[in-house]
Amino acid sequence: MSREISLFADYQQRENAVSNYCGLMMKLIYEESPRKFEELLTTLVPDATGLIVGPSFHQQTKQGNGIPDLSIKQQSFTILFENKLFDWFHSGQINRHVEGFDDSVKIKVLFLLSSEFKNPDSLEQQFQSQKEAAKLHGIILQPITYEYFVDALESVCKTEFLQRLIEEFKMYLDRYGLLPKWRYLLDVVNCGGTMTEVLDNVYMCPDKGGPYSHRRAKYFGPYANKKVAKIYEIDALVVVSSNLEEAKIKWNNSKDTDEALCERAKEKVKFYRLEENENTPLQVFLLSDGATTNFEKDSDGGMQQSKKYFWDIARNHPNSGALAKELDGKKWSNYKA
């Protein structure tokens, strides 16, 4: 059943609730300024040229056989959103949305909104057939992430009221893992006794939860002797059960298949920890692209906890080499943990 976008929505399914709040943010922007809403849509849909929100005013514009002194017009457009909590879009569902547009509408846009996509660097290729089919109907098919959506909101929302709402909206999305903070996260782990393994591109610890639990992160920093001397990219975290009976992916940051990563994890356990693995499942961090750095702990004493997170530290650094260069010669106190 169709419902108005509302501040007091009572949706039970998270996907519907997220859709409501995305719509609510856009509604509030429009109510404050149709011009800002137009700017937002232009940011989200670069291909939607000529998109005008609200009426346009013209003088001496020919209309048929006459030229009225003043004309006020409003373009018609329809924008649809298909929201997913992850990349789970189906061609059948997309086609039904495409076929449901009113042909008389001048500008038609269908957004596919997700936390992330299987191939974030090649969305054109991933949705090529659907985009071409939509284009035949005069429809722009636009896949975007929640992160991109929030960035677009921030680019047009300059008032204190809307900025506060966006911060609350970001916290809401982050609570459910819809903003990919892991891409900018450095997980520094106390590796004093396991550095030999780390140098062979693997870190292992018991799968017991508590102090051994780890947030998804893109970067791994092995700590020893009051510093992090290398930055690695985390290809995957794999849990290998006792006696190598089973391997299960917790998260895959790479383009390798789950099967290949599971085999790689088993080989590392077999070589380094098979005896230990007889009784306890192991978490296996598969590492790559180690880059030398000198990121020093400048507070007194050693690292007391098993791990330390540096949030948002890699936002402007696309790989381990770039991050290692940024951190070289820096102190922990220079960065917010």
C-alpha atoms as a PDB file:
ATOM      1  CA  MET A   1       0.000   0.000   0.000  1.00  0.00           C
ATOM      2  CA  SER A   2       1.307   3.446  -0.925  1.00  0.00           C
ATOM      3  CA  ARG A   3       2.142   5.763   2.001  1.00  0.00           C
ATOM      4  CA  GLU A   4       3.274   9.347   2.381  1.00  0.00           C
ATOM      5  CA  ILE A   5       6.904   9.818   3.395  1.00  0.00           C
ATOM      6  CA  SER A   6       6.722  10.454   7.127  1.00  0.00           C
ATOM      7  CA  LEU A   7       8.876  11.326  10.111  1.00  0.00           C
ATOM      8  CA  PHE A   8       6.820   8.834  12.137  1.00  0.00           C
ATOM      9  CA  ALA A   9       6.970   5.793   9.874  1.00  0.00           C
ATOM     10  CA  ASP A  10       6.230   2.411  11.489  1.00  0.00           C
ATOM     11  CA  TYR A  11       7.856   0.088   8.945  1.00  0.00           C
ATOM     12  CA  GLN A  12       9.046  -3.182  10.422  1.00  0.00           C
ATOM     13  CA  GLN A  13      11.357  -4.132   7.551  1.00  0.00           C
ATOM     14  CA  ARG A  14      14.655  -2.263   7.630  1.00  0.00           C
ATOM     15  CA  GLU A  15      14.746  -1.850   3.850  1.00  0.00           C
ATOM     16  CA  ASN A  16      11.415   0.003   3.892  1.00  0.00           C
ATOM     17  CA  ALA A  17      12.485   2.154   6.841  1.00  0.00           C
ATOM     18  CA  VAL A  18      15.719   3.145   5.083  1.00  0.00           C
ATOM     19  CA  SER A  19      13.735   4.038   1.939  1.00  0.00           C
ATOM     20  CA  ASN A  20      11.408   6.225   4.008  1.00  0.00           C
ATOM     21  CA  TYR A  21      14.286   8.151   5.588  1.00  0.00           C
ATOM     22  CA  CYS A  22      16.027   8.651   2.233  1.00  0.00           C
ATOM     23  CA  GLY A  23      12.795  10.094   0.904  1.00  0.00           C
ATOM     24  CA  LEU A  24      12.320  12.193   4.025  1.00  0.00           C
ATOM     25  CA  MET A  25      15.730  13.841   3.585  1.00  0.00           C
ATOM     26  CA  MET A  26      14.882  14.723  -0.023  1.00  0.00           C
ATOM     27  CA  LYS A  27      11.446  16.001   0.969  1.00  0.00           C
ATOM     28  CA  LEU A  28      12.916  18.290   3.638  1.00  0.00           C
ATOM     29  CA  ILE A  29      15.428  19.701   1.168  1.00  0.00           C
ATOM     30  CA  TYR A  30      12.656  20.379  -1.359  1.00  0.00           C
ATOM     31  CA  GLU A  31      10.470  22.070   1.247  1.00  0.00           C
ATOM     32  CA  GLU A  32      13.345  24.331   2.258  1.00  0.00           C
ATOM     33  CA  SER A  33      14.429  25.147  -1.298  1.00  0.00           C
ATOM     34  CA  PRO A  34      13.239  23.707  -4.631  1.00  0.00           C
ATOM     35  CA  ARG A  35      16.425  25.152  -6.121  1.00  0.00           C
ATOM     36  CA  LYS A  36      18.552  23.123  -3.679  1.00  0.00           C
ATOM     37  CA  PHE A  37      16.511  20.034  -4.515  1.00  0.00           C
ATOM     38  CA  GLU A  38      17.185  20.661  -8.208  1.00  0.00           C
ATOM     39  CA  GLU A  39      20.903  20.960  -7.411  1.00  0.00           C
ATOM     40  CA  LEU A  40      20.768  17.673  -5.493  1.00  0.00           C
ATOM     41  CA  LEU A  41      19.161  15.825  -8.403  1.00  0.00           C
ATOM     42  CA  THR A  42      21.683  17.274 -10.843  1.00  0.00           C
ATOM     43  CA  THR A  43      24.477  15.991  -8.585  1.00  0.00           C
ATOM     44  CA  LEU A  44      22.923  12.538  -8.360  1.00  0.00           C
ATOM     45  CA  VAL A  45      22.024  12.323 -12.056  1.00  0.00           C
ATOM     46  CA  PRO A  46      24.641  14.059 -14.212  1.00  0.00           C
ATOM     47  CA  ASP A  47      22.929  12.759 -17.375  1.00  0.00           C
ATOM     48  CA  ALA A  48      19.597  14.423 -16.562  1.00  0.00           C
ATOM     49  CA  THR A  49      20.321  17.617 -18.471  1.00  0.00           C
ATOM     50  CA  GLY A  50      17.656  20.280 -18.462  1.00  0.00           C
ATOM     51  CA  LEU A  51      16.094  19.082 -15.204  1.00  0.00           C
ATOM     52  CA  ILE A  52      14.149  21.982 -13.684  1.00  0.00           C
ATOM     53  CA  VAL A  53      12.301  21.681 -10.385  1.00  0.00           C
ATOM     54  CA  GLY A  54       9.464  24.119  -9.897  1.00  0.00           C
ATOM     55  CA  PRO A  55       8.038  26.541 -12.465  1.00  0.00           C
ATOM     56  CA  SER A  56      10.125  28.431 -15.020  1.00  0.00           C
ATOM     57  CA  PHE A  57       9.266  31.992 -16.024  1.00  0.00           C
ATOM     58  CA  HIS A  58       9.727  33.353 -19.546  1.00  0.00           C
ATOM     59  CA  GLN A  59       8.739  36.447 -21.508  1.00  0.00           C
ATOM     60  CA  GLN A  60       7.754  36.722 -25.150  1.00  0.00           C
ATOM     61  CA  THR A  61       7.972  32.983 -25.812  1.00  0.00           C
ATOM     62  CA  LYS A  62       6.117  31.750 -28.864  1.00  0.00           C
ATOM     63  CA  GLN A  63       3.266  29.386 -28.085  1.00  0.00           C
ATOM     64  CA  GLY A  64       1.718  27.972 -31.234  1.00  0.00           C
ATOM     65  CA  ASN A  65       0.663  30.967 -33.299  1.00  0.00           C
ATOM     66  CA  GLY A  66       0.838  33.459 -30.436  1.00  0.00           C
ATOM     67  CA  ILE A  67       3.477  35.124 -28.309  1.00  0.00           C
ATOM     68  CA  PRO A  68       2.172  35.761 -24.786  1.00  0.00           C
ATOM     69  CA  ASP A  69       3.835  38.427 -22.664  1.00  0.00           C
ATOM     70  CA  LEU A  70       4.618  35.942 -19.888  1.00  0.00           C
ATOM     71  CA  SER A  71       4.664  32.163 -19.706  1.00  0.00           C
ATOM     72  CA  ILE A  72       5.002  30.035 -16.559  1.00  0.00           C
ATOM     73  CA  LYS A  73       5.698  26.335 -17.084  1.00  0.00           C
ATOM     74  CA  GLN A  74       6.647  23.359 -15.006  1.00  0.00           C
ATOM     75  CA  GLN A  75       8.439  20.351 -16.482  1.00  0.00           C
ATOM     76  CA  SER A  76       7.155  16.942 -15.566  1.00  0.00           C
ATOM     77  CA  PHE A  77       9.556  14.361 -14.185  1.00  0.00           C
ATOM     78  CA  THR A  78       9.325  11.096 -12.298  1.00  0.00           C
ATOM     79  CA  ILE A  79      12.087   9.722 -10.086  1.00  0.00           C
ATOM     80  CA  LEU A  80      11.880   6.210  -8.679  1.00  0.00           C
ATOM     81  CA  PHE A  81      14.129   4.535  -6.117  1.00  0.00           C
ATOM     82  CA  GLU A  82      14.738   0.822  -5.673  1.00  0.00           C
ATOM     83  CA  ASN A  83      16.540   0.484  -2.339  1.00  0.00           C
ATOM     84  CA  LYS A  84      18.525  -2.573  -1.273  1.00  0.00           C
ATOM     85  CA  LEU A  85      20.607  -3.132   1.839  1.00  0.00           C
ATOM     86  CA  PHE A  86      23.184  -4.829  -0.385  1.00  0.00           C
ATOM     87  CA  ASP A  87      23.713  -5.533  -4.091  1.00  0.00           C
ATOM     88  CA  TRP A  88      20.738  -7.802  -4.778  1.00  0.00           C
ATOM     89  CA  PHE A  89      19.046  -6.238  -7.781  1.00  0.00           C
ATOM     90  CA  HIS A  90      17.073  -8.464 -10.183  1.00  0.00           C
ATOM     91  CA  SER A  91      16.574  -7.790 -13.877  1.00  0.00           C
ATOM     92  CA  GLY A  92      12.899  -8.734 -13.609  1.00  0.00           C
ATOM     93  CA  GLN A  93      12.223  -6.178 -10.895  1.00  0.00           C
ATOM     94  CA  ILE A  94      14.166  -3.475 -12.744  1.00  0.00           C
ATOM     95  CA  ASN A  95      12.244  -4.200 -15.952  1.00  0.00           C
ATOM     96  CA  ARG A  96       8.908  -3.891 -14.113  1.00  0.00           C
ATOM     97  CA  HIS A  97       9.927  -0.470 -12.809  1.00  0.00           C
ATOM     98  CA  VAL A  98      10.995   0.602 -16.301  1.00  0.00           C
ATOM     99  CA  GLU A  99       7.690  -0.511 -17.795  1.00  0.00           C
ATOM    100  CA  GLY A 100       5.739   1.288 -15.056  1.00  0.00           C
ATOM    101  CA  PHE A 101       6.834   4.823 -16.021  1.00  0.00           C
ATOM    102  CA  ASP A 102       4.307   7.145 -17.632  1.00  0.00           C
ATOM    103  CA  ASP A 103       5.436   7.710 -21.240  1.00  0.00           C
ATOM    104  CA  SER A 104       4.164  11.298 -21.177  1.00  0.00           C
ATOM    105  CA  VAL A 105       6.702  12.301 -18.514  1.00  0.00           C
ATOM    106  CA  LYS A 106       9.636  14.213 -19.997  1.00  0.00           C
ATOM    107  CA  ILE A 107      12.388  13.226 -17.550  1.00  0.00           C
ATOM    108  CA  LYS A 108      12.405   9.750 -16.001  1.00  0.00           C
ATOM    109  CA  VAL A 109      15.038   8.447 -13.577  1.00  0.00           C
ATOM    110  CA  LEU A 110      15.313   5.098 -11.792  1.00  0.00           C
ATOM    111  CA  PHE A 111      17.841   4.971  -8.954  1.00  0.00           C
ATOM    112  CA  LEU A 112      19.286   1.668  -7.721  1.00  0.00           C
ATOM    113  CA  LEU A 113      20.437   2.471  -4.191  1.00  0.00           C
ATOM    114  CA  SER A 114      22.626   0.038  -2.238  1.00  0.00           C
ATOM    115  CA  SER A 115      25.279  -0.015   0.492  1.00  0.00           C
ATOM    116  CA  GLU A 116      27.841  -1.217  -2.045  1.00  0.00           C
ATOM    117  CA  PHE A 117      28.023  -3.002  -5.380  1.00  0.00           C
ATOM    118  CA  LYS A 118      29.815  -6.182  -6.439  1.00  0.00           C
ATOM    119  CA  ASN A 119      31.894  -4.248  -8.967  1.00  0.00           C
ATOM    120  CA  PRO A 120      32.072  -0.654  -7.651  1.00  0.00           C
ATOM    121  CA  ASP A 121      34.643   0.353 -10.267  1.00  0.00           C
ATOM    122  CA  SER A 122      32.593  -0.882 -13.223  1.00  0.00           C
ATOM    123  CA  LEU A 123      28.935  -0.079 -12.559  1.00  0.00           C
ATOM    124  CA  GLU A 124      28.452   0.808 -16.232  1.00  0.00           C
ATOM    125  CA  GLN A 125      29.453  -2.717 -17.201  1.00  0.00           C
ATOM    126  CA  GLN A 126      27.522  -4.400 -14.360  1.00  0.00           C
ATOM    127  CA  PHE A 127      24.232  -2.763 -15.381  1.00  0.00           C
ATOM    128  CA  GLN A 128      24.964  -2.249 -19.068  1.00  0.00           C
ATOM    129  CA  SER A 129      22.081  -4.331 -20.430  1.00  0.00           C
ATOM    130  CA  GLN A 130      19.557  -2.823 -17.986  1.00  0.00           C
ATOM    131  CA  LYS A 131      20.765   0.722 -18.733  1.00  0.00           C
ATOM    132  CA  GLU A 132      20.426   0.156 -22.481  1.00  0.00           C
ATOM    133  CA  ALA A 133      16.921  -1.290 -22.085  1.00  0.00           C
ATOM    134  CA  ALA A 134      15.883   1.663 -19.905  1.00  0.00           C
ATOM    135  CA  LYS A 135      17.333   4.146 -22.380  1.00  0.00           C
ATOM    136  CA  LEU A 136      15.024   2.793 -25.101  1.00  0.00           C
ATOM    137  CA  HIS A 137      12.142   4.059 -22.936  1.00  0.00           C
ATOM    138  CA  GLY A 138      13.807   7.423 -22.303  1.00  0.00           C
ATOM    139  CA  ILE A 139      14.731   6.403 -18.740  1.00  0.00           C
ATOM    140  CA  ILE A 140      18.017   7.092 -16.965  1.00  0.00           C
ATOM    141  CA  LEU A 141      19.058   4.120 -14.825  1.00  0.00           C
ATOM    142  CA  GLN A 142      21.408   5.334 -12.089  1.00  0.00           C
ATOM    143  CA  PRO A 143      23.050   2.950  -9.571  1.00  0.00           C
ATOM    144  CA  ILE A 144      24.403   4.801  -6.507  1.00  0.00           C
ATOM    145  CA  THR A 145      25.594   3.923  -3.003  1.00  0.00           C
ATOM    146  CA  TYR A 146      24.260   5.332   0.243  1.00  0.00           C
ATOM    147  CA  GLU A 147      27.668   6.957   0.697  1.00  0.00           C
ATOM    148  CA  TYR A 148      27.328   8.784  -2.636  1.00  0.00           C
ATOM    149  CA  PHE A 149      23.750   9.763  -1.728  1.00  0.00           C
ATOM    150  CA  VAL A 150      24.912  11.244   1.602  1.00  0.00           C
ATOM    151  CA  ASP A 151      27.794  13.077  -0.099  1.00  0.00           C
ATOM    152  CA  ALA A 152      25.291  14.648  -2.504  1.00  0.00           C
ATOM    153  CA  LEU A 153      23.070  15.691   0.415  1.00  0.00           C
ATOM    154  CA  GLU A 154      26.026  17.300   2.166  1.00  0.00           C
ATOM    155  CA  SER A 155      27.004  19.191  -0.984  1.00  0.00           C
ATOM    156  CA  VAL A 156      23.694  21.096  -1.075  1.00  0.00           C
ATOM    157  CA  CYS A 157      22.623  21.260   2.582  1.00  0.00           C
ATOM    158  CA  LYS A 158      24.237  24.326   4.082  1.00  0.00           C
ATOM    159  CA  THR A 159      21.796  25.308   6.820  1.00  0.00           C
ATOM    160  CA  GLU A 160      22.528  24.250  10.384  1.00  0.00           C
ATOM    161  CA  PHE A 161      19.161  22.458  10.642  1.00  0.00           C
ATOM    162  CA  LEU A 162      19.732  20.267   7.597  1.00  0.00           C
ATOM    163  CA  GLN A 163      23.360  19.606   8.484  1.00  0.00           C
ATOM    164  CA  ARG A 164      22.295  18.277  11.891  1.00  0.00           C
ATOM    165  CA  LEU A 165      19.715  16.041  10.226  1.00  0.00           C
ATOM    166  CA  ILE A 166      22.315  14.672   7.821  1.00  0.00           C
ATOM    167  CA  GLU A 167      24.643  13.806  10.715  1.00  0.00           C
ATOM    168  CA  GLU A 168      21.800  11.896  12.400  1.00  0.00           C
ATOM    169  CA  PHE A 169      20.952  10.227   9.083  1.00  0.00           C
ATOM    170  CA  LYS A 170      24.591   9.151   8.660  1.00  0.00           C
ATOM    171  CA  MET A 171      24.649   7.677  12.172  1.00  0.00           C
ATOM    172  CA  TYR A 172      21.431   5.779  11.390  1.00  0.00           C
ATOM    173  CA  LEU A 173      22.868   4.354   8.157  1.00  0.00           C
ATOM    174  CA  ASP A 174      26.147   3.478   9.848  1.00  0.00           C
ATOM    175  CA  ARG A 175      24.379   1.559  12.639  1.00  0.00           C
ATOM    176  CA  TYR A 176      23.140  -0.861  10.000  1.00  0.00           C
ATOM    177  CA  GLY A 177      26.407  -1.045   8.069  1.00  0.00           C
ATOM    178  CA  LEU A 178      25.124   0.893   5.054  1.00  0.00           C
ATOM    179  CA  LEU A 179      28.042   3.321   4.924  1.00  0.00           C
ATOM    180  CA  PRO A 180      31.298   1.573   3.992  1.00  0.00           C
ATOM    181  CA  LYS A 181      33.447   2.909   6.839  1.00  0.00           C
ATOM    182  CA  TRP A 182      35.529  -0.248   6.614  1.00  0.00           C
ATOM    183  CA  ARG A 183      37.128   1.076   3.420  1.00  0.00           C
ATOM    184  CA  TYR A 184      38.851   3.819   5.445  1.00  0.00           C
ATOM    185  CA  LEU A 185      39.602   1.811   8.590  1.00  0.00           C
ATOM    186  CA  LEU A 186      43.070   0.756   9.788  1.00  0.00           C
ATOM    187  CA  ASP A 187      43.064  -2.180  12.225  1.00  0.00           C
ATOM    188  CA  VAL A 188      46.307  -2.066  14.238  1.00  0.00           C
ATOM    189  CA  VAL A 189      46.909  -5.438  15.904  1.00  0.00           C
ATOM    190  CA  ASN A 190      49.463  -6.438  18.518  1.00  0.00           C
ATOM    191  CA  CYS A 191      51.648  -8.900  16.580  1.00  0.00           C
ATOM    192  CA  GLY A 192      54.736  -9.162  18.786  1.00  0.00           C
ATOM    193  CA  GLY A 193      54.741 -12.966  18.693  1.00  0.00           C
ATOM    194  CA  THR A 194      53.397 -13.561  15.187  1.00  0.00           C
ATOM    195  CA  MET A 195      55.442 -11.224  12.996  1.00  0.00           C
ATOM    196  CA  THR A 196      56.955 -14.129  11.044  1.00  0.00           C
ATOM    197  CA  GLU A 197      53.477 -15.095   9.872  1.00  0.00           C
ATOM    198  CA  VAL A 198      52.544 -11.502   9.074  1.00  0.00           C
ATOM    199  CA  LEU A 199      55.617 -11.164   6.872  1.00  0.00           C
ATOM    200  CA  ASP A 200      54.191 -14.138   4.959  1.00  0.00           C
ATOM    201  CA  ASN A 201      50.936 -12.186   4.421  1.00  0.00           C
ATOM    202  CA  VAL A 202      48.794 -13.818   7.108  1.00  0.00           C
ATOM    203  CA  TYR A 203      47.630 -13.058  10.642  1.00  0.00           C
ATOM    204  CA  MET A 204      45.761 -15.664  12.699  1.00  0.00           C
ATOM    205  CA  CYS A 205      43.938 -15.577  16.019  1.00  0.00           C
ATOM    206  CA  PRO A 206      41.324 -17.772  17.771  1.00  0.00           C
ATOM    207  CA  ASP A 207      37.709 -17.402  16.685  1.00  0.00           C
ATOM    208  CA  LYS A 208      36.445 -16.836  20.229  1.00  0.00           C
ATOM    209  CA  GLY A 209      34.829 -13.418  20.034  1.00  0.00           C
ATOM    210  CA  GLY A 210      35.472 -10.830  22.744  1.00  0.00           C
ATOM    211  CA  PRO A 211      38.982  -9.360  22.383  1.00  0.00           C
ATOM    212  CA  TYR A 212      39.474 -11.528  19.296  1.00  0.00           C
ATOM    213  CA  SER A 213      36.531 -10.040  17.401  1.00  0.00           C
ATOM    214  CA  HIS A 214      37.444  -7.613  14.616  1.00  0.00           C
ATOM    215  CA  ARG A 215      35.496  -5.010  12.699  1.00  0.00           C
ATOM    216  CA  ARG A 216      35.665  -5.247   8.959  1.00  0.00           C
ATOM    217  CA  ALA A 217      38.610  -3.142   7.785  1.00  0.00           C
ATOM    218  CA  LYS A 218      40.527  -2.613   4.568  1.00  0.00           C
ATOM    219  CA  TYR A 219      43.933  -2.081   6.153  1.00  0.00           C
ATOM    220  CA  PHE A 220      45.978  -4.060   8.674  1.00  0.00           C
ATOM    221  CA  GLY A 221      48.830  -2.621  10.737  1.00  0.00           C
ATOM    222  CA  PRO A 222      50.978  -5.159  12.651  1.00  0.00           C
ATOM    223  CA  TYR A 223      52.254  -3.575  15.875  1.00  0.00           C
ATOM    224  CA  ALA A 224      55.578  -4.460  17.521  1.00  0.00           C
ATOM    225  CA  ASN A 225      58.280  -2.486  19.350  1.00  0.00           C
ATOM    226  CA  LYS A 226      56.091   0.616  19.736  1.00  0.00           C
ATOM    227  CA  LYS A 227      55.411   1.085  16.035  1.00  0.00           C
ATOM    228  CA  VAL A 228      53.678  -0.162  12.927  1.00  0.00           C
ATOM    229  CA  ALA A 229      56.402  -0.848  10.358  1.00  0.00           C
ATOM    230  CA  LYS A 230      54.149  -2.007   7.506  1.00  0.00           C
ATOM    231  CA  ILE A 231      50.647  -1.405   6.216  1.00  0.00           C
ATOM    232  CA  TYR A 232      48.852  -4.301   4.499  1.00  0.00           C
ATOM    233  CA  GLU A 233      45.594  -4.560   2.624  1.00  0.00           C
ATOM    234  CA  ILE A 234      43.213  -7.192   3.993  1.00  0.00           C
ATOM    235  CA  ASP A 235      42.039  -9.428   1.174  1.00  0.00           C
ATOM    236  CA  ALA A 236      39.648 -11.409   3.362  1.00  0.00           C
ATOM    237  CA  LEU A 237      38.907 -12.742   6.818  1.00  0.00           C
ATOM    238  CA  VAL A 238      38.304 -16.500   6.759  1.00  0.00           C
ATOM    239  CA  VAL A 239      37.305 -18.736   9.666  1.00  0.00           C
ATOM    240  CA  VAL A 240      38.911 -22.172   9.443  1.00  0.00           C
ATOM    241  CA  SER A 241      37.292 -24.831  11.640  1.00  0.00           C
ATOM    242  CA  SER A 242      39.098 -27.524  13.613  1.00  0.00           C
ATOM    243  CA  ASN A 243      41.294 -29.879  11.581  1.00  0.00           C
ATOM    244  CA  LEU A 244      40.643 -27.876   8.394  1.00  0.00           C
ATOM    245  CA  GLU A 245      37.197 -29.452   8.069  1.00  0.00           C
ATOM    246  CA  GLU A 246      35.520 -26.230   6.931  1.00  0.00           C
ATOM    247  CA  ALA A 247      36.430 -22.704   5.896  1.00  0.00           C
ATOM    248  CA  LYS A 248      33.938 -19.847   5.852  1.00  0.00           C
ATOM    249  CA  ILE A 249      34.327 -16.271   4.606  1.00  0.00           C
ATOM    250  CA  LYS A 250      33.512 -13.572   7.154  1.00  0.00           C
ATOM    251  CA  TRP A 251      34.233 -10.816   4.647  1.00  0.00           C
ATOM    252  CA  ASN A 252      35.871 -10.610   1.258  1.00  0.00           C
ATOM    253  CA  ASN A 253      37.530  -7.300   0.323  1.00  0.00           C
ATOM    254  CA  SER A 254      39.207  -8.646  -2.808  1.00  0.00           C
ATOM    255  CA  LYS A 255      38.125  -9.690  -6.277  1.00  0.00           C
ATOM    256  CA  ASP A 256      39.176 -13.297  -5.621  1.00  0.00           C
ATOM    257  CA  THR A 257      36.504 -15.973  -5.322  1.00  0.00           C
ATOM    258  CA  ASP A 258      35.443 -17.192  -1.890  1.00  0.00           C
ATOM    259  CA  GLU A 259      36.616 -20.686  -2.836  1.00  0.00           C
ATOM    260  CA  ALA A 260      40.127 -19.496  -3.713  1.00  0.00           C
ATOM    261  CA  LEU A 261      40.400 -17.488  -0.503  1.00  0.00           C
ATOM    262  CA  CYS A 262      39.223 -20.415   1.627  1.00  0.00           C
ATOM    263  CA  GLU A 263      41.881 -22.668   0.074  1.00  0.00           C
ATOM    264  CA  ARG A 264      44.525 -20.011   0.635  1.00  0.00           C
ATOM    265  CA  ALA A 265      43.505 -19.730   4.303  1.00  0.00           C
ATOM    266  CA  LYS A 266      43.627 -23.508   4.799  1.00  0.00           C
ATOM    267  CA  GLU A 267      47.132 -23.631   3.366  1.00  0.00           C
ATOM    268  CA  LYS A 268      48.326 -20.967   5.804  1.00  0.00           C
ATOM    269  CA  VAL A 269      46.785 -22.791   8.774  1.00  0.00           C
ATOM    270  CA  LYS A 270      48.261 -26.101   7.620  1.00  0.00           C
ATOM    271  CA  PHE A 271      51.727 -24.542   7.413  1.00  0.00           C
ATOM    272  CA  TYR A 272      51.732 -22.499  10.644  1.00  0.00           C
ATOM    273  CA  ARG A 273      48.968 -23.535  13.039  1.00  0.00           C
ATOM    274  CA  LEU A 274      47.657 -27.024  12.277  1.00  0.00           C
ATOM    275  CA  GLU A 275      48.328 -28.312  15.796  1.00  0.00           C
ATOM    276  CA  GLU A 276      46.643 -25.330  17.399  1.00  0.00           C
ATOM    277  CA  ASN A 277      43.747 -25.647  14.958  1.00  0.00           C
ATOM    278  CA  GLU A 278      42.965 -29.181  16.194  1.00  0.00           C
ATOM    279  CA  ASN A 279      40.982 -27.717  19.077  1.00  0.00           C
ATOM    280  CA  THR A 280      40.084 -24.157  18.163  1.00  0.00           C
ATOM    281  CA  PRO A 281      38.702 -22.546  14.986  1.00  0.00           C
ATOM    282  CA  LEU A 282      40.987 -19.805  13.717  1.00  0.00           C
ATOM    283  CA  GLN A 283      40.320 -16.440  12.155  1.00  0.00           C
ATOM    284  CA  VAL A 284      42.695 -16.068   9.229  1.00  0.00           C
ATOM    285  CA  PHE A 285      43.456 -12.582   7.908  1.00  0.00           C
ATOM    286  CA  LEU A 286      44.747 -12.917   4.350  1.00  0.00           C
ATOM    287  CA  LEU A 287      47.031  -9.959   3.657  1.00  0.00           C
ATOM    288  CA  SER A 288      48.654  -8.458   0.582  1.00  0.00           C
ATOM    289  CA  ASP A 289      50.536  -5.425  -0.750  1.00  0.00           C
ATOM    290  CA  GLY A 290      52.585  -4.751   2.372  1.00  0.00           C
ATOM    291  CA  ALA A 291      54.114  -1.263   2.275  1.00  0.00           C
ATOM    292  CA  THR A 292      56.881  -0.046   4.592  1.00  0.00           C
ATOM    293  CA  THR A 293      56.165   2.805   6.996  1.00  0.00           C
ATOM    294  CA  ASN A 294      57.071   4.060  10.469  1.00  0.00           C
ATOM    295  CA  PHE A 295      53.883   4.841  12.363  1.00  0.00           C
ATOM    296  CA  GLU A 296      54.938   5.307  15.996  1.00  0.00           C
ATOM    297  CA  LYS A 297      53.050   4.875  19.249  1.00  0.00           C
ATOM    298  CA  ASP A 298      54.128   7.973  21.177  1.00  0.00           C
ATOM    299  CA  SER A 299      52.324   7.375  24.492  1.00  0.00           C
ATOM    300  CA  ASP A 300      54.078   5.658  27.423  1.00  0.00           C
ATOM    301  CA  GLY A 301      54.344   1.872  27.551  1.00  0.00           C
ATOM    302  CA  GLY A 302      53.472  -0.778  25.046  1.00  0.00           C
ATOM    303  CA  MET A 303      50.163  -1.603  23.447  1.00  0.00           C
ATOM    304  CA  GLN A 304      47.953  -2.883  26.256  1.00  0.00           C
ATOM    305  CA  GLN A 305      44.996  -4.046  24.188  1.00  0.00           C
ATOM    306  CA  SER A 306      45.034  -6.610  21.375  1.00  0.00           C
ATOM    307  CA  LYS A 307      43.920  -4.096  18.720  1.00  0.00           C
ATOM    308  CA  LYS A 308      43.319  -0.425  18.062  1.00  0.00           C
ATOM    309  CA  TYR A 309      41.177   1.109  15.314  1.00  0.00           C
ATOM    310  CA  PHE A 310      42.021   4.280  13.427  1.00  0.00           C
ATOM    311  CA  TRP A 311      38.755   5.389  11.828  1.00  0.00           C
ATOM    312  CA  ASP A 312      38.631   7.364   8.607  1.00  0.00           C
ATOM    313  CA  ILE A 313      42.426   7.462   8.430  1.00  0.00           C
ATOM    314  CA  ALA A 314      42.502   6.226   4.823  1.00  0.00           C
ATOM    315  CA  ARG A 315      39.669   8.277   3.330  1.00  0.00           C
ATOM    316  CA  ASN A 316      41.946   9.961   0.788  1.00  0.00           C
ATOM    317  CA  HIS A 317      44.319   7.031   0.307  1.00  0.00           C
ATOM    318  CA  PRO A 318      43.201   4.349  -2.174  1.00  0.00           C
ATOM    319  CA  ASN A 319      45.784   1.667  -1.341  1.00  0.00           C
ATOM    320  CA  SER A 320      48.269   0.477   1.272  1.00  0.00           C
ATOM    321  CA  GLY A 321      51.199   2.220  -0.425  1.00  0.00           C
ATOM    322  CA  ALA A 322      49.501   5.605  -0.300  1.00  0.00           C
ATOM    323  CA  LEU A 323      48.443   5.126   3.327  1.00  0.00           C
ATOM    324  CA  ALA A 324      51.928   3.919   4.344  1.00  0.00           C
ATOM    325  CA  LYS A 325      53.459   7.032   2.776  1.00  0.00           C
ATOM    326  CA  GLU A 326      50.982   9.256   4.632  1.00  0.00           C
ATOM    327  CA  LEU A 327      51.750   7.611   8.006  1.00  0.00           C
ATOM    328  CA  ASP A 328      55.516   7.405   7.615  1.00  0.00           C
ATOM    329  CA  GLY A 329      57.147   9.393  10.419  1.00  0.00           C
ATOM    330  CA  LYS A 330      53.772  10.222  12.018  1.00  0.00           C
ATOM    331  CA  LYS A 331      52.678   9.591  15.613  1.00  0.00           C
ATOM    332  CA  TRP A 332      49.518   7.817  16.790  1.00  0.00           C
ATOM    333  CA  SER A 333      48.495  10.964  18.635  1.00  0.00           C
ATOM    334  CA  ASN A 334      48.277  12.791  15.299  1.00  0.00           C
ATOM    335  CA  TYR A 335      45.198  10.741  14.384  1.00  0.00           C
ATOM    336  CA  LYS A 336      41.808  10.147  15.913  1.00  0.00           C
ATOM    337  CA  ALA A 337      41.330   6.543  16.979  1.00  0.00           C
END
